Amino acid sequence: MRLFIAIDLPDWVAGRLSELQDHGLDIRWTTPETMHLTLRFVGDMEDAAEREQLIENLYEIRVPAFEMSINELGYFPPRKHPKIIWAGIQENRTLLNLQEMVEQACRTAGVEPEDRTFIPHVTIGRVGGVSRKEVHSFFNRNKKIQIEGIPVDKFILYQSKLRPEGAQHIPVEYFALRNNDEA
């Protein structure tokens, strides 16, 4: 099973992000129903016992529900020809705490440590044959993005099935956010 852990976006947020998409550009835009914020890509996890341990570890996470905001557009890799266009999440200590706990849950379940720095973002497109100039023009038209008050009350373990028309994300387990004193 190819797995990842993510926060889903409410429909209204995904709708706002999809309004930015310029279908005149050679960019494979992310569909609103698959937009999410990845907390941790797990990768292939064939061992059922390891998967169960991961799920058990994720249930132990205690973080209260919170709100986050989107406040910028960017792309990967930085300073090179863009491949991924993303909407960035404003700095949020609770989100970073959640991601650190998810990382620890993965490690204790036997998942290799992540070697990349966590940059909270939502992928909104994958660049095809678009020039760097066209991508920068897109950013200039949309640079004043601000979406506030995005509620986060759960995170999800997903299975990702790769298909020619794009990845299919299948929820495996939902994890409600809760305080330390909640069962």
N, C-alpha and C. Protein backbone atom coordinates (compact mmCIF):
# COMPACT_ATOMS: atom_id res chain seq x y z
N MET A 1 0.84 -1.18 0.00
CA MET A 1 0.00 0.00 0.00
C MET A 1 0.88 1.25 0.00
N ARG A 2 0.61 2.15 -0.92
CA ARG A 2 1.32 3.43 -0.98
C ARG A 2 0.50 4.41 -0.13
N LEU A 3 1.10 4.91 0.96
CA LEU A 3 0.36 5.67 1.95
C LEU A 3 0.89 7.08 2.13
N PHE A 4 0.00 7.98 2.54
CA PHE A 4 0.39 9.30 3.00
C PHE A 4 -0.62 9.78 4.02
N ILE A 5 -0.20 10.77 4.83
CA ILE A 5 -1.03 11.31 5.90
C ILE A 5 -1.27 12.77 5.57
N ALA A 6 -2.54 13.20 5.61
CA ALA A 6 -2.86 14.55 5.13
C ALA A 6 -4.03 15.16 5.87
N ILE A 7 -4.16 16.47 5.66
CA ILE A 7 -5.31 17.24 6.10
C ILE A 7 -6.11 17.58 4.85
N ASP A 8 -7.39 17.23 4.85
CA ASP A 8 -8.27 17.61 3.74
C ASP A 8 -8.64 19.08 3.86
N LEU A 9 -8.95 19.67 2.73
CA LEU A 9 -9.42 21.06 2.71
C LEU A 9 -10.93 21.08 2.58
N PRO A 10 -11.58 22.00 3.27
CA PRO A 10 -13.02 22.16 3.06
C PRO A 10 -13.29 22.52 1.59
N ASP A 11 -14.48 22.17 1.10
CA ASP A 11 -14.84 22.45 -0.29
C ASP A 11 -14.67 23.92 -0.66
N TRP A 12 -15.03 24.82 0.25
CA TRP A 12 -14.95 26.24 -0.07
C TRP A 12 -13.51 26.70 -0.29
N VAL A 13 -12.55 26.08 0.43
CA VAL A 13 -11.14 26.44 0.25
C VAL A 13 -10.63 25.87 -1.07
N ALA A 14 -10.92 24.60 -1.33
CA ALA A 14 -10.50 23.99 -2.59
C ALA A 14 -11.11 24.75 -3.78
N GLY A 15 -12.35 25.21 -3.62
CA GLY A 15 -12.98 26.00 -4.67
C GLY A 15 -12.26 27.30 -4.93
N ARG A 16 -11.87 27.98 -3.85
CA ARG A 16 -11.12 29.25 -4.01
C ARG A 16 -9.78 29.00 -4.70
N LEU A 17 -9.10 27.92 -4.35
CA LEU A 17 -7.81 27.62 -4.97
C LEU A 17 -7.99 27.25 -6.44
N SER A 18 -9.05 26.52 -6.75
CA SER A 18 -9.27 26.12 -8.15
C SER A 18 -9.62 27.33 -9.01
N GLU A 19 -10.17 28.39 -8.41
CA GLU A 19 -10.46 29.61 -9.17
C GLU A 19 -9.18 30.28 -9.69
N LEU A 20 -8.05 29.98 -9.08
CA LEU A 20 -6.77 30.55 -9.52
C LEU A 20 -6.25 29.88 -10.79
N GLN A 21 -6.69 28.67 -11.03
CA GLN A 21 -6.13 27.86 -12.11
C GLN A 21 -6.42 28.47 -13.48
N ASP A 22 -5.35 28.61 -14.25
CA ASP A 22 -5.42 29.17 -15.60
C ASP A 22 -5.30 28.01 -16.59
N HIS A 23 -6.43 27.59 -17.13
CA HIS A 23 -6.44 26.42 -18.00
C HIS A 23 -5.89 26.70 -19.39
N GLY A 24 -5.45 27.93 -19.63
CA GLY A 24 -4.76 28.26 -20.87
C GLY A 24 -3.28 27.92 -20.81
N LEU A 25 -2.80 27.56 -19.62
CA LEU A 25 -1.39 27.19 -19.44
C LEU A 25 -1.24 25.68 -19.45
N ASP A 26 -0.09 25.19 -19.90
CA ASP A 26 0.19 23.76 -19.93
C ASP A 26 0.60 23.29 -18.53
N ILE A 27 -0.39 23.29 -17.64
CA ILE A 27 -0.20 22.86 -16.26
C ILE A 27 -1.29 21.84 -15.95
N ARG A 28 -0.90 20.74 -15.35
CA ARG A 28 -1.88 19.74 -14.92
C ARG A 28 -2.38 20.19 -13.54
N TRP A 29 -3.56 20.79 -13.53
CA TRP A 29 -4.10 21.36 -12.31
C TRP A 29 -4.67 20.28 -11.40
N THR A 30 -4.49 20.45 -10.12
CA THR A 30 -5.05 19.53 -9.12
C THR A 30 -6.56 19.76 -9.05
N THR A 31 -7.32 18.70 -9.06
CA THR A 31 -8.77 18.84 -8.94
C THR A 31 -9.14 19.22 -7.50
N PRO A 32 -10.20 19.99 -7.33
CA PRO A 32 -10.57 20.42 -5.97
C PRO A 32 -10.76 19.25 -5.01
N GLU A 33 -11.33 18.15 -5.48
CA GLU A 33 -11.60 17.03 -4.57
C GLU A 33 -10.34 16.29 -4.11
N THR A 34 -9.20 16.52 -4.76
CA THR A 34 -7.97 15.86 -4.32
C THR A 34 -6.98 16.82 -3.66
N MET A 35 -7.38 18.09 -3.49
CA MET A 35 -6.48 19.05 -2.82
C MET A 35 -6.39 18.72 -1.33
N HIS A 36 -5.17 18.72 -0.82
CA HIS A 36 -4.93 18.41 0.58
C HIS A 36 -3.57 18.98 0.99
N LEU A 37 -3.32 18.97 2.27
CA LEU A 37 -2.01 19.35 2.82
C LEU A 37 -1.37 18.08 3.35
N THR A 38 -0.31 17.64 2.72
CA THR A 38 0.37 16.41 3.15
C THR A 38 1.19 16.69 4.40
N LEU A 39 0.92 15.92 5.45
CA LEU A 39 1.71 15.99 6.68
C LEU A 39 2.93 15.09 6.58
N ARG A 40 2.75 13.93 5.90
CA ARG A 40 3.87 12.99 5.77
C ARG A 40 3.57 12.01 4.67
N PHE A 41 4.48 11.89 3.70
CA PHE A 41 4.40 10.83 2.72
C PHE A 41 5.04 9.61 3.36
N VAL A 42 4.32 8.52 3.42
CA VAL A 42 4.82 7.29 4.05
C VAL A 42 5.48 6.40 3.01
N GLY A 43 4.87 6.29 1.84
CA GLY A 43 5.39 5.42 0.80
C GLY A 43 4.78 4.04 0.89
N ASP A 44 5.43 3.08 0.26
CA ASP A 44 4.92 1.71 0.25
C ASP A 44 5.08 1.07 1.62
N MET A 45 4.00 0.51 2.13
CA MET A 45 4.00 -0.17 3.42
C MET A 45 3.21 -1.45 3.25
N GLU A 46 3.92 -2.51 2.90
CA GLU A 46 3.27 -3.80 2.61
C GLU A 46 2.96 -4.60 3.87
N ASP A 47 3.76 -4.42 4.92
CA ASP A 47 3.61 -5.21 6.13
C ASP A 47 2.38 -4.74 6.92
N ALA A 48 1.39 -5.64 7.07
CA ALA A 48 0.13 -5.31 7.75
C ALA A 48 0.38 -4.95 9.22
N ALA A 49 1.32 -5.60 9.86
CA ALA A 49 1.61 -5.31 11.27
C ALA A 49 2.19 -3.89 11.42
N GLU A 50 3.05 -3.49 10.49
CA GLU A 50 3.60 -2.13 10.52
C GLU A 50 2.49 -1.10 10.29
N ARG A 51 1.58 -1.40 9.35
CA ARG A 51 0.46 -0.49 9.10
C ARG A 51 -0.41 -0.34 10.35
N GLU A 52 -0.70 -1.44 11.01
CA GLU A 52 -1.51 -1.40 12.23
C GLU A 52 -0.79 -0.62 13.33
N GLN A 53 0.52 -0.78 13.42
CA GLN A 53 1.30 -0.02 14.41
C GLN A 53 1.24 1.47 14.10
N LEU A 54 1.36 1.81 12.82
CA LEU A 54 1.27 3.21 12.41
C LEU A 54 -0.10 3.79 12.80
N ILE A 55 -1.16 3.06 12.48
CA ILE A 55 -2.52 3.52 12.80
C ILE A 55 -2.66 3.70 14.31
N GLU A 56 -2.18 2.74 15.08
CA GLU A 56 -2.25 2.84 16.55
C GLU A 56 -1.49 4.08 17.03
N ASN A 57 -0.29 4.31 16.48
CA ASN A 57 0.50 5.48 16.86
C ASN A 57 -0.22 6.78 16.52
N LEU A 58 -0.86 6.83 15.35
CA LEU A 58 -1.56 8.04 14.93
C LEU A 58 -2.76 8.33 15.84
N TYR A 59 -3.41 7.29 16.33
CA TYR A 59 -4.53 7.49 17.26
C TYR A 59 -4.08 8.09 18.58
N GLU A 60 -2.82 7.94 18.91
CA GLU A 60 -2.29 8.47 20.18
C GLU A 60 -1.99 9.97 20.13
N ILE A 61 -2.00 10.55 18.96
CA ILE A 61 -1.67 11.97 18.81
C ILE A 61 -2.74 12.83 19.48
N ARG A 62 -2.27 13.79 20.27
CA ARG A 62 -3.16 14.72 20.96
C ARG A 62 -2.80 16.14 20.56
N VAL A 63 -3.61 16.71 19.71
CA VAL A 63 -3.48 18.10 19.27
C VAL A 63 -4.90 18.64 19.17
N PRO A 64 -5.14 19.84 19.73
CA PRO A 64 -6.49 20.39 19.62
C PRO A 64 -6.81 20.83 18.20
N ALA A 65 -8.09 20.87 17.88
CA ALA A 65 -8.52 21.41 16.59
C ALA A 65 -8.03 22.85 16.49
N PHE A 66 -7.78 23.30 15.26
CA PHE A 66 -7.24 24.64 15.08
C PHE A 66 -7.67 25.18 13.72
N GLU A 67 -7.29 26.41 13.44
CA GLU A 67 -7.52 27.02 12.14
C GLU A 67 -6.17 27.36 11.52
N MET A 68 -6.13 27.33 10.19
CA MET A 68 -4.92 27.73 9.48
C MET A 68 -5.32 28.67 8.35
N SER A 69 -4.31 29.31 7.75
CA SER A 69 -4.54 30.27 6.67
C SER A 69 -3.58 30.02 5.52
N ILE A 70 -4.04 30.29 4.32
CA ILE A 70 -3.19 30.25 3.12
C ILE A 70 -2.85 31.70 2.81
N ASN A 71 -1.54 31.96 2.60
CA ASN A 71 -1.15 33.34 2.42
C ASN A 71 -0.11 33.58 1.32
N GLU A 72 0.19 32.58 0.51
CA GLU A 72 1.17 32.79 -0.55
C GLU A 72 1.09 31.70 -1.60
N LEU A 73 1.66 31.98 -2.75
CA LEU A 73 1.87 30.98 -3.79
C LEU A 73 3.37 30.78 -3.94
N GLY A 74 3.75 29.58 -4.33
CA GLY A 74 5.16 29.29 -4.53
C GLY A 74 5.31 28.13 -5.48
N TYR A 75 6.56 27.71 -5.66
CA TYR A 75 6.80 26.55 -6.52
C TYR A 75 8.04 25.81 -6.07
N PHE A 76 8.09 24.54 -6.45
CA PHE A 76 9.25 23.67 -6.24
C PHE A 76 9.78 23.29 -7.61
N PRO A 77 11.06 23.11 -7.77
CA PRO A 77 12.11 23.49 -6.83
C PRO A 77 12.37 24.99 -6.89
N PRO A 78 12.71 25.57 -5.76
CA PRO A 78 12.99 27.01 -5.76
C PRO A 78 14.26 27.30 -6.58
N ARG A 79 14.28 28.44 -7.20
CA ARG A 79 15.43 28.91 -7.99
C ARG A 79 15.75 28.06 -9.20
N LYS A 80 14.85 27.16 -9.59
CA LYS A 80 15.01 26.36 -10.80
C LYS A 80 13.71 26.42 -11.59
N HIS A 81 13.66 25.72 -12.72
CA HIS A 81 12.42 25.71 -13.49
C HIS A 81 11.32 25.06 -12.65
N PRO A 82 10.19 25.75 -12.47
CA PRO A 82 9.11 25.24 -11.62
C PRO A 82 8.55 23.90 -12.13
N LYS A 83 8.30 22.99 -11.18
CA LYS A 83 7.66 21.71 -11.49
C LYS A 83 6.32 21.59 -10.76
N ILE A 84 6.26 22.11 -9.55
CA ILE A 84 5.06 22.04 -8.71
C ILE A 84 4.66 23.46 -8.31
N ILE A 85 3.41 23.83 -8.50
CA ILE A 85 2.89 25.11 -8.03
C ILE A 85 2.05 24.83 -6.79
N TRP A 86 2.28 25.62 -5.75
CA TRP A 86 1.59 25.37 -4.49
C TRP A 86 1.08 26.64 -3.83
N ALA A 87 0.11 26.44 -2.94
CA ALA A 87 -0.41 27.49 -2.07
C ALA A 87 0.15 27.21 -0.68
N GLY A 88 0.82 28.21 -0.11
CA GLY A 88 1.51 28.02 1.16
C GLY A 88 0.66 28.37 2.37
N ILE A 89 0.90 27.64 3.44
CA ILE A 89 0.19 27.83 4.69
C ILE A 89 0.98 28.80 5.57
N GLN A 90 0.28 29.78 6.10
CA GLN A 90 0.92 30.75 7.01
C GLN A 90 1.47 30.00 8.22
N GLU A 91 2.59 30.49 8.74
CA GLU A 91 3.22 29.83 9.89
C GLU A 91 2.20 29.59 10.98
N ASN A 92 2.21 28.34 11.50
CA ASN A 92 1.19 27.93 12.46
C ASN A 92 1.82 26.90 13.39
N ARG A 93 2.03 27.27 14.64
CA ARG A 93 2.71 26.40 15.61
C ARG A 93 1.95 25.10 15.84
N THR A 94 0.62 25.15 15.90
CA THR A 94 -0.16 23.93 16.14
C THR A 94 0.00 22.96 14.97
N LEU A 95 -0.02 23.48 13.75
CA LEU A 95 0.20 22.64 12.57
C LEU A 95 1.58 21.99 12.62
N LEU A 96 2.60 22.76 12.97
CA LEU A 96 3.95 22.21 13.05
C LEU A 96 4.05 21.16 14.14
N ASN A 97 3.38 21.37 15.28
CA ASN A 97 3.36 20.36 16.34
C ASN A 97 2.71 19.07 15.84
N LEU A 98 1.58 19.22 15.14
CA LEU A 98 0.90 18.05 14.60
C LEU A 98 1.82 17.29 13.64
N GLN A 99 2.48 18.01 12.75
CA GLN A 99 3.36 17.35 11.79
C GLN A 99 4.51 16.64 12.50
N GLU A 100 5.07 17.24 13.53
CA GLU A 100 6.16 16.61 14.29
C GLU A 100 5.68 15.32 14.96
N MET A 101 4.46 15.34 15.49
CA MET A 101 3.91 14.14 16.13
C MET A 101 3.63 13.05 15.09
N VAL A 102 3.16 13.44 13.91
CA VAL A 102 2.94 12.48 12.83
C VAL A 102 4.27 11.87 12.41
N GLU A 103 5.29 12.69 12.29
CA GLU A 103 6.63 12.19 11.95
C GLU A 103 7.11 11.17 12.98
N GLN A 104 6.94 11.49 14.26
CA GLN A 104 7.36 10.57 15.32
C GLN A 104 6.55 9.27 15.27
N ALA A 105 5.25 9.36 15.01
CA ALA A 105 4.40 8.17 14.90
C ALA A 105 4.88 7.28 13.77
N CYS A 106 5.28 7.89 12.67
CA CYS A 106 5.80 7.12 11.53
C CYS A 106 7.11 6.43 11.89
N ARG A 107 8.01 7.15 12.50
CA ARG A 107 9.32 6.58 12.87
C ARG A 107 9.17 5.40 13.81
N THR A 108 8.31 5.54 14.82
CA THR A 108 8.17 4.44 15.78
C THR A 108 7.43 3.25 15.18
N ALA A 109 6.81 3.44 14.02
CA ALA A 109 6.17 2.33 13.31
C ALA A 109 7.13 1.70 12.30
N GLY A 110 8.35 2.22 12.24
CA GLY A 110 9.35 1.63 11.34
C GLY A 110 9.52 2.34 10.01
N VAL A 111 8.88 3.48 9.82
CA VAL A 111 9.02 4.23 8.58
C VAL A 111 10.33 5.03 8.64
N GLU A 112 11.06 5.01 7.54
CA GLU A 112 12.32 5.77 7.48
C GLU A 112 12.06 7.24 7.76
N PRO A 113 12.97 7.91 8.49
CA PRO A 113 12.78 9.35 8.75
C PRO A 113 12.73 10.16 7.46
N GLU A 114 11.92 11.20 7.48
CA GLU A 114 11.82 12.12 6.34
C GLU A 114 13.10 12.95 6.29
N ASP A 115 13.69 13.06 5.10
CA ASP A 115 14.93 13.83 4.98
C ASP A 115 14.71 15.24 4.43
N ARG A 116 13.46 15.57 4.11
CA ARG A 116 13.15 16.92 3.62
C ARG A 116 12.51 17.73 4.73
N THR A 117 12.77 19.02 4.71
CA THR A 117 12.14 19.95 5.66
C THR A 117 10.66 20.06 5.31
N PHE A 118 9.82 20.06 6.32
CA PHE A 118 8.38 20.21 6.12
C PHE A 118 8.07 21.65 5.74
N ILE A 119 7.50 21.83 4.56
CA ILE A 119 7.03 23.13 4.09
C ILE A 119 5.53 22.98 3.86
N PRO A 120 4.70 23.46 4.79
CA PRO A 120 3.25 23.24 4.66
C PRO A 120 2.68 23.95 3.43
N HIS A 121 2.10 23.14 2.54
CA HIS A 121 1.58 23.67 1.29
C HIS A 121 0.51 22.74 0.72
N VAL A 122 -0.25 23.28 -0.23
CA VAL A 122 -1.24 22.51 -0.98
C VAL A 122 -0.81 22.58 -2.44
N THR A 123 -0.56 21.44 -3.05
CA THR A 123 -0.20 21.43 -4.47
C THR A 123 -1.44 21.78 -5.28
N ILE A 124 -1.29 22.80 -6.14
CA ILE A 124 -2.44 23.17 -6.98
C ILE A 124 -2.18 22.88 -8.46
N GLY A 125 -0.92 22.56 -8.82
CA GLY A 125 -0.65 22.23 -10.22
C GLY A 125 0.74 21.68 -10.43
N ARG A 126 0.88 20.90 -11.52
CA ARG A 126 2.17 20.36 -11.93
C ARG A 126 2.48 20.92 -13.31
N VAL A 127 3.63 21.56 -13.41
CA VAL A 127 4.00 22.28 -14.61
C VAL A 127 4.37 21.32 -15.73
N GLY A 128 3.80 21.58 -16.91
CA GLY A 128 4.15 20.81 -18.11
C GLY A 128 5.17 21.61 -18.91
N GLY A 129 4.79 22.06 -20.09
CA GLY A 129 5.71 22.76 -20.97
C GLY A 129 5.66 24.26 -20.84
N VAL A 130 5.27 24.76 -19.67
CA VAL A 130 5.15 26.21 -19.46
C VAL A 130 6.52 26.81 -19.17
N SER A 131 6.77 27.96 -19.76
CA SER A 131 8.05 28.63 -19.52
C SER A 131 8.06 29.23 -18.12
N ARG A 132 9.25 29.49 -17.62
CA ARG A 132 9.40 30.13 -16.32
C ARG A 132 8.72 31.50 -16.32
N LYS A 133 8.80 32.21 -17.46
CA LYS A 133 8.19 33.53 -17.59
C LYS A 133 6.67 33.43 -17.42
N GLU A 134 6.04 32.41 -18.04
CA GLU A 134 4.59 32.23 -17.92
C GLU A 134 4.20 31.90 -16.48
N VAL A 135 5.03 31.10 -15.80
CA VAL A 135 4.75 30.75 -14.41
C VAL A 135 4.83 32.00 -13.54
N HIS A 136 5.86 32.81 -13.76
CA HIS A 136 6.00 34.04 -12.97
C HIS A 136 4.86 35.02 -13.26
N SER A 137 4.39 35.05 -14.49
CA SER A 137 3.23 35.88 -14.83
C SER A 137 2.00 35.40 -14.06
N PHE A 138 1.81 34.08 -13.98
CA PHE A 138 0.71 33.50 -13.20
C PHE A 138 0.82 33.95 -11.74
N PHE A 139 2.03 33.88 -11.16
CA PHE A 139 2.22 34.28 -9.77
C PHE A 139 1.92 35.77 -9.58
N ASN A 140 2.36 36.59 -10.50
CA ASN A 140 2.10 38.04 -10.39
C ASN A 140 0.61 38.36 -10.41
N ARG A 141 -0.16 37.60 -11.19
CA ARG A 141 -1.61 37.81 -11.25
C ARG A 141 -2.33 37.36 -9.98
N ASN A 142 -1.71 36.46 -9.25
CA ASN A 142 -2.40 35.82 -8.11
C ASN A 142 -1.67 35.98 -6.78
N LYS A 143 -0.70 36.88 -6.70
CA LYS A 143 0.16 36.95 -5.52
C LYS A 143 -0.53 37.42 -4.24
N LYS A 144 -1.66 38.04 -4.34
CA LYS A 144 -2.32 38.57 -3.14
C LYS A 144 -3.30 37.56 -2.53
N ILE A 145 -3.01 36.30 -2.62
CA ILE A 145 -3.91 35.27 -2.08
C ILE A 145 -3.94 35.35 -0.55
N GLN A 146 -5.13 35.24 0.01
CA GLN A 146 -5.31 35.20 1.46
C GLN A 146 -6.61 34.45 1.73
N ILE A 147 -6.48 33.27 2.31
CA ILE A 147 -7.65 32.48 2.71
C ILE A 147 -7.48 32.17 4.19
N GLU A 148 -8.32 32.75 5.01
CA GLU A 148 -8.19 32.61 6.47
C GLU A 148 -9.30 31.74 7.04
N GLY A 149 -9.08 31.31 8.28
CA GLY A 149 -10.12 30.59 9.01
C GLY A 149 -10.40 29.19 8.49
N ILE A 150 -9.38 28.51 8.00
CA ILE A 150 -9.57 27.14 7.49
C ILE A 150 -9.58 26.19 8.68
N PRO A 151 -10.73 25.56 8.98
CA PRO A 151 -10.81 24.69 10.16
C PRO A 151 -10.10 23.35 9.93
N VAL A 152 -9.40 22.91 10.97
CA VAL A 152 -8.73 21.61 10.94
C VAL A 152 -9.16 20.86 12.20
N ASP A 153 -9.94 19.79 12.02
CA ASP A 153 -10.40 19.02 13.17
C ASP A 153 -10.06 17.54 13.06
N LYS A 154 -9.36 17.18 11.97
CA LYS A 154 -8.95 15.79 11.79
C LYS A 154 -7.83 15.72 10.76
N PHE A 155 -7.17 14.57 10.73
CA PHE A 155 -6.24 14.26 9.65
C PHE A 155 -6.53 12.83 9.22
N ILE A 156 -6.00 12.47 8.05
CA ILE A 156 -6.42 11.22 7.41
C ILE A 156 -5.20 10.44 6.92
N LEU A 157 -5.24 9.13 7.10
CA LEU A 157 -4.27 8.23 6.47
C LEU A 157 -4.90 7.79 5.15
N TYR A 158 -4.21 8.08 4.06
CA TYR A 158 -4.70 7.75 2.72
C TYR A 158 -3.84 6.69 2.06
N GLN A 159 -4.51 5.90 1.22
CA GLN A 159 -3.82 5.05 0.26
C GLN A 159 -3.86 5.80 -1.06
N SER A 160 -2.75 5.81 -1.76
CA SER A 160 -2.68 6.47 -3.06
C SER A 160 -2.48 5.41 -4.13
N LYS A 161 -3.41 5.37 -5.07
CA LYS A 161 -3.30 4.45 -6.20
C LYS A 161 -2.98 5.28 -7.43
N LEU A 162 -1.84 5.00 -8.04
CA LEU A 162 -1.42 5.75 -9.21
C LEU A 162 -2.14 5.22 -10.45
N ARG A 163 -2.69 6.16 -11.23
CA ARG A 163 -3.41 5.83 -12.46
C ARG A 163 -2.96 6.80 -13.54
N PRO A 164 -3.12 6.46 -14.80
CA PRO A 164 -2.70 7.36 -15.89
C PRO A 164 -3.36 8.74 -15.80
N GLU A 165 -4.62 8.79 -15.36
CA GLU A 165 -5.33 10.07 -15.29
C GLU A 165 -5.06 10.82 -13.99
N GLY A 166 -4.22 10.29 -13.13
CA GLY A 166 -3.89 10.93 -11.86
C GLY A 166 -4.10 9.99 -10.69
N ALA A 167 -3.52 10.33 -9.58
CA ALA A 167 -3.60 9.48 -8.39
C ALA A 167 -5.02 9.48 -7.82
N GLN A 168 -5.43 8.31 -7.33
CA GLN A 168 -6.70 8.18 -6.62
C GLN A 168 -6.35 8.08 -5.14
N HIS A 169 -6.98 8.92 -4.31
CA HIS A 169 -6.73 8.94 -2.88
C HIS A 169 -7.88 8.26 -2.16
N ILE A 170 -7.56 7.18 -1.46
CA ILE A 170 -8.58 6.40 -0.77
C ILE A 170 -8.34 6.49 0.73
N PRO A 171 -9.31 7.06 1.49
CA PRO A 171 -9.13 7.14 2.95
C PRO A 171 -9.04 5.75 3.56
N VAL A 172 -8.05 5.56 4.42
CA VAL A 172 -7.87 4.30 5.14
C VAL A 172 -8.38 4.46 6.57
N GLU A 173 -8.05 5.61 7.19
CA GLU A 173 -8.44 5.85 8.58
C GLU A 173 -8.49 7.36 8.84
N TYR A 174 -9.45 7.78 9.67
CA TYR A 174 -9.59 9.18 10.08
C TYR A 174 -9.17 9.32 11.53
N PHE A 175 -8.51 10.44 11.86
CA PHE A 175 -8.03 10.70 13.21
C PHE A 175 -8.51 12.07 13.66
N ALA A 176 -9.41 12.10 14.63
CA ALA A 176 -9.94 13.36 15.14
C ALA A 176 -8.88 14.05 15.99
N LEU A 177 -8.79 15.36 15.86
CA LEU A 177 -7.90 16.14 16.72
C LEU A 177 -8.59 16.32 18.07
N ARG A 178 -7.80 16.21 19.13
CA ARG A 178 -8.36 16.33 20.48
C ARG A 178 -7.26 16.71 21.45
N ASN A 179 -7.67 17.24 22.59
CA ASN A 179 -6.73 17.65 23.62
C ASN A 179 -6.21 16.44 24.40
N ASN A 180 -5.18 16.67 25.23
CA ASN A 180 -4.61 15.60 26.04
C ASN A 180 -5.62 14.97 26.99
N ASP A 181 -6.59 15.76 27.49
CA ASP A 181 -7.53 15.23 28.47
C ASP A 181 -8.73 14.51 27.85
N GLU A 182 -8.78 14.42 26.51
CA GLU A 182 -9.87 13.72 25.84
C GLU A 182 -9.47 12.29 25.52
N ALA A 183 -10.40 11.37 25.67
CA ALA A 183 -10.12 9.95 25.41
C ALA A 183 -10.06 9.68 23.94
